[in-house]
PDB file of N, CA and C in Angstrom:
ATOM      1  N   UNK A   1     106.528 118.547 122.266  1.00  0.00           N
ATOM      2  CA  UNK A   1     106.520 118.680 120.529  1.00  0.00           C
ATOM      3  C   UNK A   1     106.597 119.511 120.143  1.00  0.00           C
ATOM      4  N   UNK A   2     106.949 119.978 118.850  1.00  0.00           N
ATOM      5  CA  UNK A   2     106.975 121.359 118.861  1.00  0.00           C
ATOM      6  C   UNK A   2     105.852 121.875 117.778  1.00  0.00           C
ATOM      7  N   UNK A   3     105.413 122.892 117.391  1.00  0.00           N
ATOM      8  CA  UNK A   3     104.299 123.203 117.071  1.00  0.00           C
ATOM      9  C   UNK A   3     104.308 122.675 115.271  1.00  0.00           C
ATOM     10  N   UNK A   4     104.955 122.391 114.702  1.00  0.00           N
ATOM     11  CA  UNK A   4     105.442 121.983 113.538  1.00  0.00           C
ATOM     12  C   UNK A   4     105.073 120.868 113.245  1.00  0.00           C
ATOM     13  N   UNK A   5     105.780 119.803 114.006  1.00  0.00           N
ATOM     14  CA  UNK A   5     105.232 118.428 114.287  1.00  0.00           C
ATOM     15  C   UNK A   5     103.720 118.270 114.866  1.00  0.00           C
ATOM     16  N   UNK A   6     103.315 119.221 115.648  1.00  0.00           N
ATOM     17  CA  UNK A   6     101.920 118.869 115.864  1.00  0.00           C
ATOM     18  C   UNK A   6     101.018 119.020 115.137  1.00  0.00           C
ATOM     19  N   UNK A   7     101.593 119.932 114.240  1.00  0.00           N
ATOM     20  CA  UNK A   7     100.531 120.515 113.037  1.00  0.00           C
ATOM     21  C   UNK A   7     100.444 119.734 112.261  1.00  0.00           C
ATOM     22  N   UNK A   8     101.702 118.863 111.954  1.00  0.00           N
ATOM     23  CA  UNK A   8     101.578 117.427 110.875  1.00  0.00           C
ATOM     24  C   UNK A   8     100.557 115.937 111.524  1.00  0.00           C
ATOM     25  N   UNK A   9     101.163 116.027 112.574  1.00  0.00           N
ATOM     26  CA  UNK A   9     100.114 115.152 113.576  1.00  0.00           C
ATOM     27  C   UNK A   9      98.370 115.145 113.060  1.00  0.00           C
ATOM     28  N   UNK A  10      98.370 116.747 113.321  1.00  0.00           N
ATOM     29  CA  UNK A  10      96.781 117.002 113.206  1.00  0.00           C
ATOM     30  C   UNK A  10      96.322 117.005 111.581  1.00  0.00           C
ATOM     31  N   UNK A  11      97.330 117.113 110.903  1.00  0.00           N
ATOM     32  CA  UNK A  11      97.111 117.085 109.728  1.00  0.00           C
ATOM     33  C   UNK A  11      96.901 115.619 109.451  1.00  0.00           C
ATOM     34  N   UNK A  12      97.574 114.326 109.381  1.00  0.00           N
ATOM     35  CA  UNK A  12      96.921 112.975 109.370  1.00  0.00           C
ATOM     36  C   UNK A  12      95.892 112.907 109.895  1.00  0.00           C
ATOM     37  N   UNK A  13      95.563 113.037 110.933  1.00  0.00           N
ATOM     38  CA  UNK A  13      94.358 112.922 111.547  1.00  0.00           C
ATOM     39  C   UNK A  13      93.298 113.156 110.919  1.00  0.00           C
ATOM     40  N   UNK A  14      93.209 114.476 110.599  1.00  0.00           N
ATOM     41  CA  UNK A  14      92.133 114.835 109.487  1.00  0.00           C
ATOM     42  C   UNK A  14      91.933 114.193 108.367  1.00  0.00           C
ATOM     43  N   UNK A  15      93.074 113.939 107.764  1.00  0.00           N
ATOM     44  CA  UNK A  15      92.913 113.657 106.556  1.00  0.00           C
ATOM     45  C   UNK A  15      92.769 112.193 106.538  1.00  0.00           C
ATOM     46  N   UNK A  16      93.104 111.344 107.325  1.00  0.00           N
ATOM     47  CA  UNK A  16      92.558 109.801 107.694  1.00  0.00           C
ATOM     48  C   UNK A  16      90.491 110.050 107.931  1.00  0.00           C
ATOM     49  N   UNK A  17      90.434 110.892 108.835  1.00  0.00           N
ATOM     50  CA  UNK A  17      89.217 110.926 109.332  1.00  0.00           C
ATOM     51  C   UNK A  17      88.352 110.909 107.991  1.00  0.00           C
ATOM     52  N   UNK A  18      88.747 112.327 107.189  1.00  0.00           N
ATOM     53  CA  UNK A  18      88.003 112.809 105.580  1.00  0.00           C
ATOM     54  C   UNK A  18      88.030 111.507 104.785  1.00  0.00           C
ATOM     55  N   UNK A  19      89.175 110.748 104.554  1.00  0.00           N
ATOM     56  CA  UNK A  19      89.329 109.542 103.697  1.00  0.00           C
ATOM     57  C   UNK A  19      88.425 108.852 104.208  1.00  0.00           C
ATOM     58  N   UNK A  20      88.022 108.630 105.440  1.00  0.00           N
ATOM     59  CA  UNK A  20      87.410 107.068 106.141  1.00  0.00           C
ATOM     60  C   UNK A  20      85.900 107.592 105.628  1.00  0.00           C
ATOM     61  N   UNK A  21      85.009 108.935 105.145  1.00  0.00           N
ATOM     62  CA  UNK A  21      84.049 108.662 105.012  1.00  0.00           C
ATOM     63  C   UNK A  21      83.490 109.493 103.054  1.00  0.00           C
ATOM     64  N   UNK A  22      85.285 109.206 102.208  1.00  0.00           N
ATOM     65  CA  UNK A  22      84.686 109.270 101.178  1.00  0.00           C
ATOM     66  C   UNK A  22      84.152 108.011 100.246  1.00  0.00           C
ATOM     67  N   UNK A  23      83.303 107.979  99.308  1.00  0.00           N
ATOM     68  CA  UNK A  23      83.574 106.468  98.561  1.00  0.00           C
ATOM     69  C   UNK A  23      83.365 106.445  97.669  1.00  0.00           C
ATOM     70  N   UNK A  24      82.858 107.558  96.872  1.00  0.00           N
ATOM     71  CA  UNK A  24      82.726 107.541  95.294  1.00  0.00           C
ATOM     72  C   UNK A  24      84.677 108.341  94.383  1.00  0.00           C
ATOM     73  N   UNK A  25      84.598 107.531  93.188  1.00  0.00           N
ATOM     74  CA  UNK A  25      85.689 108.239  92.982  1.00  0.00           C
ATOM     75  C   UNK A  25      86.066 109.592  92.867  1.00  0.00           C
ATOM     76  N   UNK A  26      84.530 110.420  92.616  1.00  0.00           N
ATOM     77  CA  UNK A  26      84.970 112.008  91.954  1.00  0.00           C
ATOM     78  C   UNK A  26      85.658 112.147  94.074  1.00  0.00           C
ATOM     79  N   UNK A  27      84.686 111.565  94.749  1.00  0.00           N
ATOM     80  CA  UNK A  27      85.402 112.615  96.338  1.00  0.00           C
ATOM     81  C   UNK A  27      86.663 111.931  96.729  1.00  0.00           C
ATOM     82  N   UNK A  28      86.911 110.503  95.979  1.00  0.00           N
ATOM     83  CA  UNK A  28      88.444 110.308  95.956  1.00  0.00           C
ATOM     84  C   UNK A  28      89.687 111.520  95.479  1.00  0.00           C
ATOM     85  N   UNK A  29      89.056 111.615  94.292  1.00  0.00           N
ATOM     86  CA  UNK A  29      89.942 112.220  93.510  1.00  0.00           C
ATOM     87  C   UNK A  29      89.894 113.880  94.586  1.00  0.00           C
ATOM     88  N   UNK A  30      88.831 114.119  94.571  1.00  0.00           N
ATOM     89  CA  UNK A  30      88.688 115.088  95.567  1.00  0.00           C
ATOM     90  C   UNK A  30      90.115 115.717  96.491  1.00  0.00           C
ATOM     91  N   UNK A  31      89.473 114.251  97.276  1.00  0.00           N
ATOM     92  CA  UNK A  31      90.479 114.517  98.304  1.00  0.00           C
ATOM     93  C   UNK A  31      91.825 114.490  97.891  1.00  0.00           C
ATOM     94  N   UNK A  32      92.450 113.587  97.050  1.00  0.00           N
ATOM     95  CA  UNK A  32      93.799 113.726  96.601  1.00  0.00           C
ATOM     96  C   UNK A  32      94.161 114.993  96.280  1.00  0.00           C
ATOM     97  N   UNK A  33      93.380 115.401  94.928  1.00  0.00           N
ATOM     98  CA  UNK A  33      93.879 116.959  95.226  1.00  0.00           C
ATOM     99  C   UNK A  33      94.121 117.871  96.241  1.00  0.00           C
ATOM    100  N   UNK A  34      93.226 117.790  97.331  1.00  0.00           N
ATOM    101  CA  UNK A  34      93.423 118.605  98.426  1.00  0.00           C
ATOM    102  C   UNK A  34      94.117 118.323  99.322  1.00  0.00           C
ATOM    103  N   UNK A  35      95.092 117.298  99.183  1.00  0.00           N
ATOM    104  CA  UNK A  35      96.292 116.981 100.191  1.00  0.00           C
ATOM    105  C   UNK A  35      97.313 116.705  99.624  1.00  0.00           C
ATOM    106  N   UNK A  36      97.176 115.666  98.385  1.00  0.00           N
ATOM    107  CA  UNK A  36      98.553 115.284  97.315  1.00  0.00           C
ATOM    108  C   UNK A  36      98.605 116.215  96.344  1.00  0.00           C
ATOM    109  N   UNK A  37      97.578 116.878  95.725  1.00  0.00           N
ATOM    110  CA  UNK A  37      98.288 118.203  94.538  1.00  0.00           C
ATOM    111  C   UNK A  37      99.177 118.865  94.549  1.00  0.00           C
ATOM    112  N   UNK A  38      99.392 119.565  93.704  1.00  0.00           N
ATOM    113  CA  UNK A  38     100.646 120.732  93.697  1.00  0.00           C
ATOM    114  C   UNK A  38     100.645 121.998  94.002  1.00  0.00           C
ATOM    115  N   UNK A  39      99.330 122.278  94.654  1.00  0.00           N
ATOM    116  CA  UNK A  39      98.687 123.237  95.536  1.00  0.00           C
ATOM    117  C   UNK A  39      98.253 122.875  96.852  1.00  0.00           C
ATOM    118  N   UNK A  40      98.160 121.180  97.032  1.00  0.00           N
ATOM    119  CA  UNK A  40      97.776 120.774  98.335  1.00  0.00           C
ATOM    120  C   UNK A  40      98.371 120.904  99.351  1.00  0.00           C
ATOM    121  N   UNK A  41      97.299 120.357 100.427  1.00  0.00           N
ATOM    122  CA  UNK A  41      98.129 120.877 101.827  1.00  0.00           C
ATOM    123  C   UNK A  41      99.372 120.624 102.307  1.00  0.00           C
ATOM    124  N   UNK A  42      99.604 119.247 101.988  1.00  0.00           N
ATOM    125  CA  UNK A  42     100.929 118.727 102.580  1.00  0.00           C
ATOM    126  C   UNK A  42     101.700 119.439 101.493  1.00  0.00           C
ATOM    127  N   UNK A  43     101.590 120.193 100.224  1.00  0.00           N
ATOM    128  CA  UNK A  43     102.726 120.543  99.328  1.00  0.00           C
ATOM    129  C   UNK A  43     103.140 121.885 100.262  1.00  0.00           C
ATOM    130  N   UNK A  44     101.751 122.527 100.990  1.00  0.00           N
ATOM    131  CA  UNK A  44     102.104 123.911 101.268  1.00  0.00           C
ATOM    132  C   UNK A  44     102.896 123.667 102.797  1.00  0.00           C
ATOM    133  N   UNK A  45     102.515 122.563 103.391  1.00  0.00           N
ATOM    134  CA  UNK A  45     103.071 122.243 104.590  1.00  0.00           C
ATOM    135  C   UNK A  45     104.663 122.476 104.522  1.00  0.00           C
ATOM    136  N   UNK A  46     105.810 121.797 103.248  1.00  0.00           N
ATOM    137  CA  UNK A  46     106.938 121.754 103.227  1.00  0.00           C
ATOM    138  C   UNK A  46     106.963 123.032 103.448  1.00  0.00           C
ATOM    139  N   UNK A  47     106.553 124.148 103.581  1.00  0.00           N
ATOM    140  CA  UNK A  47     106.912 125.402 103.687  1.00  0.00           C
ATOM    141  C   UNK A  47     107.186 125.472 105.492  1.00  0.00           C
ATOM    142  N   UNK A  48     107.196 124.615 105.977  1.00  0.00           N
ATOM    143  CA  UNK A  48     107.059 124.877 107.324  1.00  0.00           C
ATOM    144  C   UNK A  48     108.754 124.424 107.991  1.00  0.00           C
ATOM    145  N   UNK A  49     109.185 123.559 106.852  1.00  0.00           N
ATOM    146  CA  UNK A  49     110.752 123.631 106.995  1.00  0.00           C
ATOM    147  C   UNK A  49     111.400 125.032 107.226  1.00  0.00           C
ATOM    148  N   UNK A  50     111.013 125.835 106.485  1.00  0.00           N
ATOM    149  CA  UNK A  50     111.461 127.055 106.429  1.00  0.00           C
ATOM    150  C   UNK A  50     111.223 127.589 107.843  1.00  0.00           C
ATOM    151  N   UNK A  51     110.706 128.012 108.756  1.00  0.00           N
ATOM    152  CA  UNK A  51     110.250 128.228 109.852  1.00  0.00           C
ATOM    153  C   UNK A  51     110.539 127.613 111.010  1.00  0.00           C
ATOM    154  N   UNK A  52     111.375 126.313 111.085  1.00  0.00           N
ATOM    155  CA  UNK A  52     111.592 125.499 111.776  1.00  0.00           C
ATOM    156  C   UNK A  52     113.214 125.814 112.453  1.00  0.00           C
ATOM    157  N   UNK A  53     113.533 125.421 113.770  1.00  0.00           N
ATOM    158  CA  UNK A  53     115.154 125.358 114.006  1.00  0.00           C
ATOM    159  C   UNK A  53     116.247 124.711 112.945  1.00  0.00           C
ATOM    160  N   UNK A  54     117.005 124.623 113.115  1.00  0.00           N
ATOM    161  CA  UNK A  54     117.530 124.407 112.390  1.00  0.00           C
ATOM    162  C   UNK A  54     118.162 122.627 112.457  1.00  0.00           C
ATOM    163  N   UNK A  55     118.321 122.441 113.793  1.00  0.00           N
ATOM    164  CA  UNK A  55     118.631 121.237 114.327  1.00  0.00           C
ATOM    165  C   UNK A  55     117.532 120.331 114.100  1.00  0.00           C
ATOM    166  N   UNK A  56     115.930 120.534 114.182  1.00  0.00           N
ATOM    167  CA  UNK A  56     114.986 119.847 114.052  1.00  0.00           C
ATOM    168  C   UNK A  56     114.272 120.045 112.628  1.00  0.00           C
ATOM    169  N   UNK A  57     114.582 120.323 111.872  1.00  0.00           N
ATOM    170  CA  UNK A  57     114.022 120.622 110.245  1.00  0.00           C
ATOM    171  C   UNK A  57     114.582 118.892 109.826  1.00  0.00           C
ATOM    172  N   UNK A  58     115.690 118.016 110.151  1.00  0.00           N
ATOM    173  CA  UNK A  58     115.423 116.490 109.751  1.00  0.00           C
ATOM    174  C   UNK A  58     114.255 116.261 110.303  1.00  0.00           C
ATOM    175  N   UNK A  59     114.273 116.423 111.573  1.00  0.00           N
ATOM    176  CA  UNK A  59     112.142 115.348 112.108  1.00  0.00           C
ATOM    177  C   UNK A  59     111.645 116.076 111.152  1.00  0.00           C
ATOM    178  N   UNK A  60     111.628 117.390 111.197  1.00  0.00           N
ATOM    179  CA  UNK A  60     110.145 117.547 110.203  1.00  0.00           C
ATOM    180  C   UNK A  60     110.268 117.318 109.018  1.00  0.00           C
ATOM    181  N   UNK A  61     111.461 117.229 108.113  1.00  0.00           N
ATOM    182  CA  UNK A  61     111.014 116.782 106.902  1.00  0.00           C
ATOM    183  C   UNK A  61     110.667 114.980 106.960  1.00  0.00           C
ATOM    184  N   UNK A  62     111.389 114.156 107.990  1.00  0.00           N
ATOM    185  CA  UNK A  62     110.971 113.026 108.049  1.00  0.00           C
ATOM    186  C   UNK A  62     109.737 112.954 108.510  1.00  0.00           C
ATOM    187  N   UNK A  63     108.817 113.448 109.214  1.00  0.00           N
ATOM    188  CA  UNK A  63     107.855 113.345 109.351  1.00  0.00           C
ATOM    189  C   UNK A  63     106.776 113.718 107.962  1.00  0.00           C
ATOM    190  N   UNK A  64     106.984 114.962 107.761  1.00  0.00           N
ATOM    191  CA  UNK A  64     106.147 115.627 106.134  1.00  0.00           C
ATOM    192  C   UNK A  64     106.418 114.415 105.370  1.00  0.00           C
ATOM    193  N   UNK A  65     107.278 113.610 105.292  1.00  0.00           N
ATOM    194  CA  UNK A  65     107.558 112.447 104.003  1.00  0.00           C
ATOM    195  C   UNK A  65     106.787 111.318 104.452  1.00  0.00           C
ATOM    196  N   UNK A  66     106.669 111.094 105.733  1.00  0.00           N
ATOM    197  CA  UNK A  66     105.870 109.903 106.448  1.00  0.00           C
ATOM    198  C   UNK A  66     104.541 110.475 106.259  1.00  0.00           C
ATOM    199  N   UNK A  67     103.985 111.741 106.262  1.00  0.00           N
ATOM    200  CA  UNK A  67     102.879 112.056 106.290  1.00  0.00           C
ATOM    201  C   UNK A  67     102.080 111.955 105.008  1.00  0.00           C
ATOM    202  N   UNK A  68     102.990 112.388 103.785  1.00  0.00           N
ATOM    203  CA  UNK A  68     102.676 112.389 102.590  1.00  0.00           C
ATOM    204  C   UNK A  68     102.538 110.413 101.945  1.00  0.00           C
ATOM    205  N   UNK A  69     103.435 110.060 102.175  1.00  0.00           N
ATOM    206  CA  UNK A  69     103.630 108.478 102.196  1.00  0.00           C
ATOM    207  C   UNK A  69     102.663 107.561 102.598  1.00  0.00           C
ATOM    208  N   UNK A  70     102.011 107.992 103.912  1.00  0.00           N
ATOM    209  CA  UNK A  70     101.187 107.687 104.913  1.00  0.00           C
ATOM    210  C   UNK A  70      99.207 107.387 104.208  1.00  0.00           C
ATOM    211  N   UNK A  71      99.219 109.073 103.592  1.00  0.00           N
ATOM    212  CA  UNK A  71      97.733 109.733 103.137  1.00  0.00           C
ATOM    213  C   UNK A  71      97.583 109.093 101.462  1.00  0.00           C
ATOM    214  N   UNK A  72      99.154 108.931 100.758  1.00  0.00           N
ATOM    215  CA  UNK A  72      99.056 108.045  99.459  1.00  0.00           C
ATOM    216  C   UNK A  72      98.625 106.943  99.651  1.00  0.00           C
ATOM    217  N   UNK A  73      99.561 106.726 100.775  1.00  0.00           N
ATOM    218  CA  UNK A  73      98.989 104.542 100.777  1.00  0.00           C
ATOM    219  C   UNK A  73      97.093 104.749 101.283  1.00  0.00           C
ATOM    220  N   UNK A  74      97.165 105.114 102.244  1.00  0.00           N
ATOM    221  CA  UNK A  74      95.617 105.378 102.955  1.00  0.00           C
ATOM    222  C   UNK A  74      94.454 105.355 101.440  1.00  0.00           C
ATOM    223  N   UNK A  75      94.591 106.495 100.510  1.00  0.00           N
ATOM    224  CA  UNK A  75      93.948 106.736  99.373  1.00  0.00           C
ATOM    225  C   UNK A  75      94.181 105.410  98.303  1.00  0.00           C
ATOM    226  N   UNK A  76      95.404 104.904  97.889  1.00  0.00           N
ATOM    227  CA  UNK A  76      95.738 103.962  97.323  1.00  0.00           C
ATOM    228  C   UNK A  76      94.861 102.525  98.040  1.00  0.00           C
ATOM    229  N   UNK A  77      94.278 102.691  99.165  1.00  0.00           N
ATOM    230  CA  UNK A  77      93.958 101.391  99.682  1.00  0.00           C
ATOM    231  C   UNK A  77      92.155 101.766  99.368  1.00  0.00           C
ATOM    232  N   UNK A  78      92.049 102.844  99.591  1.00  0.00           N
ATOM    233  CA  UNK A  78      90.909 103.173  99.480  1.00  0.00           C
ATOM    234  C   UNK A  78      90.090 102.922  97.949  1.00  0.00           C
ATOM    235  N   UNK A  79      90.838 103.518  97.085  1.00  0.00           N
ATOM    236  CA  UNK A  79      90.459 103.154  95.614  1.00  0.00           C
ATOM    237  C   UNK A  79      90.529 101.409  95.203  1.00  0.00           C
TER     238      UNK A  79
END
């Protein structure tokens, strides 16, 4: 597994772990900003696409989009 894909998987695991421990609306909003905000972790990870080989860009892009979707869905479910 490439470093970029491993980093995406680790970020997903970390986000799910953090989210499971949150209970207040304020904490959930802080989580949303941290991961999904315009300067959030997932947005920063989009820069990974610039550093991966051309042949793996589609796979990394799909994983990044899946990461964003899964984190958003988990957050919505917690709310």
